Amino acid sequence: MKNIILVLIFLLCSCAPTVMIHPSKDASDFERDKYRCERLAVQSAANWGIPGNPFYIALEIRKCLRLECGWEFQKKGE
């Protein structure tokens, strides 16, 4: 039981808020890119036979934003 509590504390502490940065895009560009990536992720989940899987969709959105749109994740305060 003690190990489970330690793991939960570690996970909660490591979940610092992140912000998205891009060298040449602004907030409206981010919203447009995010919307596009969400649509692609939902379609991909359906294609893999796991429609609506929130874990897969969130991972795919982050990958799309980073790899296809050029957004970088930065922990808030860095």
Protein backbone atom coordinates (compact mmCIF):
# COMPACT_ATOMS: atom_id res chain seq x y z
CA MET A 1 0.00 0.00 0.00
CA LYS A 2 2.85 2.34 0.86
CA ASN A 3 4.43 1.79 -2.58
CA ILE A 4 1.19 2.68 -4.34
CA ILE A 5 0.97 5.95 -2.42
CA LEU A 6 4.57 6.81 -3.30
CA VAL A 7 3.95 6.11 -6.97
CA LEU A 8 0.83 8.29 -6.96
CA ILE A 9 2.70 11.14 -5.27
CA PHE A 10 5.48 10.87 -7.83
CA LEU A 11 3.02 10.91 -10.73
CA LEU A 12 1.15 13.92 -9.38
CA CYS A 13 4.35 15.87 -8.79
CA SER A 14 5.72 15.12 -12.23
CA CYS A 15 2.57 16.39 -13.94
CA ALA A 16 3.60 20.02 -14.10
CA PRO A 17 1.49 22.12 -16.45
CA THR A 18 2.91 22.42 -19.94
CA VAL A 19 2.59 25.12 -22.55
CA MET A 20 2.99 24.85 -26.29
CA ILE A 21 5.51 27.08 -28.02
CA HIS A 22 6.27 27.64 -31.68
CA PRO A 23 8.85 30.00 -33.13
CA SER A 24 6.52 31.54 -35.70
CA LYS A 25 2.91 30.67 -34.83
CA ASP A 26 0.46 32.30 -32.43
CA ALA A 27 -2.50 31.12 -30.33
CA SER A 28 -4.98 31.11 -33.22
CA ASP A 29 -2.58 28.94 -35.23
CA PHE A 30 -2.34 26.59 -32.26
CA GLU A 31 -6.13 26.23 -32.06
CA ARG A 32 -6.32 25.50 -35.78
CA ASP A 33 -3.49 22.94 -35.59
CA LYS A 34 -4.99 21.33 -32.47
CA TYR A 35 -8.39 20.98 -34.12
CA ARG A 36 -6.79 19.35 -37.17
CA CYS A 37 -4.76 16.97 -35.00
CA GLU A 38 -7.82 16.05 -32.93
CA ARG A 39 -9.74 15.07 -36.06
CA LEU A 40 -6.81 12.98 -37.29
CA ALA A 41 -6.39 11.28 -33.90
CA VAL A 42 -10.08 10.40 -33.60
CA GLN A 43 -10.05 8.94 -37.11
CA SER A 44 -6.86 7.00 -36.38
CA ALA A 45 -8.37 5.51 -33.22
CA ALA A 46 -11.44 4.42 -35.18
CA ASN A 47 -9.23 2.89 -37.88
CA TRP A 48 -7.35 0.87 -35.25
CA GLY A 49 -10.61 -0.42 -33.79
CA ILE A 50 -10.40 1.60 -30.57
CA PRO A 51 -12.82 4.45 -31.21
CA GLY A 52 -13.03 7.00 -28.44
CA ASN A 53 -9.96 5.70 -26.56
CA PRO A 54 -8.89 8.86 -24.68
CA PHE A 55 -5.34 7.67 -24.01
CA TYR A 56 -4.60 6.84 -27.62
CA ILE A 57 -6.26 10.02 -28.88
CA ALA A 58 -4.32 12.26 -26.46
CA LEU A 59 -1.03 10.61 -27.45
CA GLU A 60 -1.78 11.00 -31.15
CA ILE A 61 -2.74 14.67 -30.73
CA ARG A 62 0.54 15.40 -28.95
CA LYS A 63 2.52 13.54 -31.62
CA CYS A 64 0.74 15.39 -34.41
CA LEU A 65 1.26 18.80 -32.81
CA ARG A 66 4.94 18.10 -32.27
CA LEU A 67 5.91 16.22 -35.43
CA GLU A 68 3.56 17.58 -38.08
CA CYS A 69 2.88 21.11 -36.87
CA GLY A 70 6.18 21.99 -35.19
CA TRP A 71 4.87 22.80 -31.70
CA GLU A 72 7.17 22.09 -28.74
CA PHE A 73 6.10 21.27 -25.20
CA GLN A 74 7.62 23.32 -22.39
CA LYS A 75 6.91 22.94 -18.69
CA LYS A 76 5.38 26.09 -17.32
CA GLY A 77 7.95 28.18 -15.48
CA GLU A 78 11.00 26.99 -17.42
